[in-house]
N, C-alpha and C. Protein backbone atom coordinates (compact mmCIF):
# COMPACT_ATOMS: atom_id res chain seq x y z
N MET A 1 -0.56 -10.03 16.98
CA MET A 1 -0.17 -8.88 17.77
C MET A 1 -1.04 -7.69 17.35
N SER A 2 -1.64 -7.01 18.28
CA SER A 2 -2.50 -5.87 17.95
C SER A 2 -1.65 -4.61 17.78
N GLN A 3 -2.14 -3.70 16.91
CA GLN A 3 -1.46 -2.44 16.64
C GLN A 3 -1.87 -1.41 17.68
N PRO A 4 -0.93 -0.61 18.20
CA PRO A 4 -1.31 0.47 19.09
C PRO A 4 -2.20 1.47 18.35
N SER A 5 -3.17 2.03 19.02
CA SER A 5 -4.09 2.96 18.37
C SER A 5 -3.54 4.38 18.32
N SER A 6 -2.33 4.61 18.82
CA SER A 6 -1.79 5.96 18.89
C SER A 6 -1.17 6.44 17.58
N TYR A 7 -1.19 5.64 16.54
CA TYR A 7 -0.66 6.09 15.26
C TYR A 7 -1.49 5.56 14.11
N ASN A 8 -1.30 6.18 12.98
CA ASN A 8 -2.06 5.88 11.78
C ASN A 8 -1.59 4.57 11.17
N GLN A 9 -2.50 3.68 10.85
CA GLN A 9 -2.13 2.39 10.27
C GLN A 9 -2.26 2.40 8.75
N ASP A 10 -2.50 3.56 8.14
CA ASP A 10 -2.60 3.67 6.69
C ASP A 10 -1.21 3.71 6.07
N TYR A 11 -1.18 3.34 4.80
CA TYR A 11 0.07 3.31 4.06
C TYR A 11 0.16 4.47 3.09
N ILE A 12 1.38 4.90 2.82
CA ILE A 12 1.67 5.92 1.82
C ILE A 12 2.65 5.30 0.85
N VAL A 13 2.41 5.51 -0.44
CA VAL A 13 3.28 4.98 -1.48
C VAL A 13 3.99 6.14 -2.15
N VAL A 14 5.30 6.02 -2.33
CA VAL A 14 6.09 7.04 -3.02
C VAL A 14 6.72 6.39 -4.24
N LYS A 15 6.49 6.98 -5.41
CA LYS A 15 7.09 6.51 -6.66
C LYS A 15 8.00 7.60 -7.20
N ALA A 16 9.28 7.28 -7.38
CA ALA A 16 10.27 8.25 -7.85
C ALA A 16 10.11 8.50 -9.35
N LYS A 17 10.15 9.78 -9.72
CA LYS A 17 10.09 10.17 -11.13
C LYS A 17 11.47 10.51 -11.68
N GLU A 18 12.48 10.47 -10.81
CA GLU A 18 13.86 10.75 -11.20
C GLU A 18 14.78 9.99 -10.25
N ASN A 19 16.04 9.86 -10.63
CA ASN A 19 17.02 9.24 -9.74
C ASN A 19 17.32 10.16 -8.57
N GLY A 20 17.55 9.57 -7.42
CA GLY A 20 18.00 10.33 -6.26
C GLY A 20 16.90 11.00 -5.44
N VAL A 21 15.68 10.50 -5.49
CA VAL A 21 14.61 11.04 -4.66
C VAL A 21 14.86 10.59 -3.22
N HIS A 22 14.86 11.52 -2.29
CA HIS A 22 15.08 11.20 -0.88
C HIS A 22 13.76 11.19 -0.13
N VAL A 23 13.57 10.16 0.67
CA VAL A 23 12.41 10.06 1.55
C VAL A 23 12.96 9.96 2.97
N ILE A 24 12.54 10.89 3.81
CA ILE A 24 13.11 11.03 5.15
C ILE A 24 12.01 10.84 6.18
N GLY A 25 12.24 9.94 7.13
CA GLY A 25 11.32 9.73 8.24
C GLY A 25 11.69 10.63 9.40
N LEU A 26 10.69 11.28 10.00
CA LEU A 26 10.91 12.17 11.13
C LEU A 26 10.26 11.59 12.38
N THR A 27 10.90 11.76 13.51
CA THR A 27 10.47 11.14 14.76
C THR A 27 9.30 11.86 15.42
N ARG A 28 8.66 11.15 16.32
CA ARG A 28 7.64 11.72 17.20
C ARG A 28 8.33 12.25 18.46
N GLY A 29 7.58 12.97 19.26
CA GLY A 29 8.11 13.40 20.54
C GLY A 29 8.30 14.91 20.61
N LEU A 30 8.92 15.36 21.68
CA LEU A 30 9.13 16.78 21.90
C LEU A 30 10.06 17.39 20.86
N ASP A 31 11.09 16.65 20.46
CA ASP A 31 12.04 17.13 19.45
C ASP A 31 11.89 16.29 18.19
N THR A 32 11.47 16.92 17.09
CA THR A 32 11.35 16.20 15.83
C THR A 32 12.74 16.08 15.21
N ARG A 33 13.14 14.85 14.87
CA ARG A 33 14.47 14.60 14.31
C ARG A 33 14.36 13.62 13.16
N PHE A 34 15.37 13.67 12.28
CA PHE A 34 15.45 12.67 11.22
C PHE A 34 15.83 11.34 11.86
N HIS A 35 15.16 10.26 11.47
CA HIS A 35 15.58 8.97 12.01
C HIS A 35 15.83 7.92 10.93
N HIS A 36 15.40 8.21 9.69
CA HIS A 36 15.62 7.23 8.64
C HIS A 36 15.56 7.93 7.29
N THR A 37 16.47 7.57 6.39
CA THR A 37 16.48 8.14 5.05
C THR A 37 16.60 7.03 4.03
N GLU A 38 15.82 7.14 2.97
CA GLU A 38 15.90 6.21 1.85
C GLU A 38 16.12 7.03 0.59
N LYS A 39 16.85 6.46 -0.36
CA LYS A 39 17.06 7.11 -1.66
C LYS A 39 16.46 6.21 -2.72
N LEU A 40 15.55 6.77 -3.53
CA LEU A 40 14.91 6.00 -4.59
C LEU A 40 15.39 6.48 -5.95
N ASP A 41 15.51 5.54 -6.88
CA ASP A 41 15.83 5.88 -8.26
C ASP A 41 14.58 5.85 -9.11
N LYS A 42 14.65 6.42 -10.29
CA LYS A 42 13.50 6.56 -11.17
C LYS A 42 12.77 5.23 -11.34
N GLY A 43 11.46 5.28 -11.12
CA GLY A 43 10.62 4.09 -11.26
C GLY A 43 10.51 3.25 -10.01
N GLU A 44 11.37 3.47 -9.03
CA GLU A 44 11.29 2.71 -7.79
C GLU A 44 10.10 3.17 -6.96
N VAL A 45 9.50 2.22 -6.28
CA VAL A 45 8.33 2.48 -5.44
C VAL A 45 8.63 1.96 -4.05
N MET A 46 8.25 2.74 -3.04
CA MET A 46 8.41 2.30 -1.67
C MET A 46 7.12 2.59 -0.91
N ILE A 47 6.74 1.67 -0.04
CA ILE A 47 5.53 1.80 0.75
C ILE A 47 5.92 2.16 2.18
N PHE A 48 5.29 3.20 2.73
CA PHE A 48 5.62 3.69 4.07
C PHE A 48 4.39 3.65 4.95
N GLN A 49 4.66 3.61 6.26
CA GLN A 49 3.58 3.63 7.24
C GLN A 49 4.02 4.49 8.42
N PHE A 50 3.11 5.32 8.91
CA PHE A 50 3.39 6.05 10.14
C PHE A 50 3.36 5.05 11.28
N THR A 51 4.30 5.19 12.21
CA THR A 51 4.43 4.23 13.31
C THR A 51 4.53 4.99 14.63
N GLU A 52 4.77 4.25 15.68
CA GLU A 52 4.95 4.88 16.98
C GLU A 52 6.22 5.73 17.01
N HIS A 53 7.15 5.52 16.06
CA HIS A 53 8.38 6.30 16.00
C HIS A 53 8.37 7.35 14.90
N THR A 54 7.55 7.17 13.87
CA THR A 54 7.54 8.06 12.72
C THR A 54 6.27 8.91 12.70
N SER A 55 6.44 10.24 12.77
CA SER A 55 5.28 11.13 12.77
C SER A 55 5.12 11.88 11.46
N ALA A 56 6.19 11.91 10.65
CA ALA A 56 6.12 12.63 9.38
C ALA A 56 7.11 12.02 8.39
N ILE A 57 6.82 12.22 7.12
CA ILE A 57 7.71 11.76 6.06
C ILE A 57 7.93 12.94 5.12
N LYS A 58 9.20 13.22 4.84
CA LYS A 58 9.56 14.32 3.93
C LYS A 58 10.07 13.71 2.63
N VAL A 59 9.58 14.21 1.50
CA VAL A 59 10.01 13.72 0.19
C VAL A 59 10.72 14.86 -0.52
N ARG A 60 11.96 14.61 -0.96
CA ARG A 60 12.75 15.61 -1.67
C ARG A 60 13.08 15.07 -3.05
N GLY A 61 12.59 15.76 -4.09
CA GLY A 61 12.82 15.34 -5.47
C GLY A 61 11.50 15.13 -6.18
N LYS A 62 11.59 14.74 -7.44
CA LYS A 62 10.40 14.53 -8.26
C LYS A 62 9.83 13.15 -7.99
N ALA A 63 8.60 13.15 -7.46
CA ALA A 63 7.96 11.89 -7.08
C ALA A 63 6.45 12.06 -7.09
N VAL A 64 5.76 10.92 -7.09
CA VAL A 64 4.32 10.91 -6.92
C VAL A 64 4.04 10.19 -5.61
N ILE A 65 3.20 10.79 -4.77
CA ILE A 65 2.87 10.24 -3.46
C ILE A 65 1.40 9.87 -3.47
N TYR A 66 1.11 8.62 -3.13
CA TYR A 66 -0.26 8.12 -3.11
C TYR A 66 -0.65 7.81 -1.67
N SER A 67 -1.85 8.27 -1.27
CA SER A 67 -2.36 7.95 0.06
C SER A 67 -3.88 7.90 -0.02
N GLN A 68 -4.51 7.56 1.08
CA GLN A 68 -5.97 7.51 1.11
C GLN A 68 -6.57 8.91 0.92
N HIS A 69 -5.76 9.93 1.07
CA HIS A 69 -6.25 11.31 0.92
C HIS A 69 -6.11 11.84 -0.49
N GLY A 70 -5.49 11.05 -1.37
CA GLY A 70 -5.33 11.46 -2.76
C GLY A 70 -3.91 11.26 -3.26
N THR A 71 -3.64 11.86 -4.40
CA THR A 71 -2.33 11.74 -5.05
C THR A 71 -1.69 13.11 -5.12
N ILE A 72 -0.40 13.16 -4.79
CA ILE A 72 0.35 14.41 -4.85
C ILE A 72 1.54 14.19 -5.77
N ASP A 73 1.69 15.06 -6.76
CA ASP A 73 2.85 15.04 -7.65
C ASP A 73 3.72 16.23 -7.22
N THR A 74 4.94 15.96 -6.83
CA THR A 74 5.80 17.03 -6.31
C THR A 74 6.23 18.02 -7.37
N THR A 75 5.98 17.72 -8.65
CA THR A 75 6.36 18.64 -9.72
C THR A 75 5.25 19.63 -10.06
N GLU A 76 4.10 19.50 -9.43
CA GLU A 76 2.97 20.41 -9.73
C GLU A 76 2.88 21.51 -8.69
């Protein structure tokens, strides 16, 4: 099955540095809304991908985010 070209096929990795890190997926379209939430505990890693439904990802808490654009530490 081919991937639609209307969204990014790159992956983002989030690694929690503390318990209770929230990762929230936001929808595409005219109204941006929350559509999915995950809670990570210290040391947990989750891999995310932007899709036809997800246009943004919000990270709340101490975490390290890895992407093709570099590494972001939310504590810096």
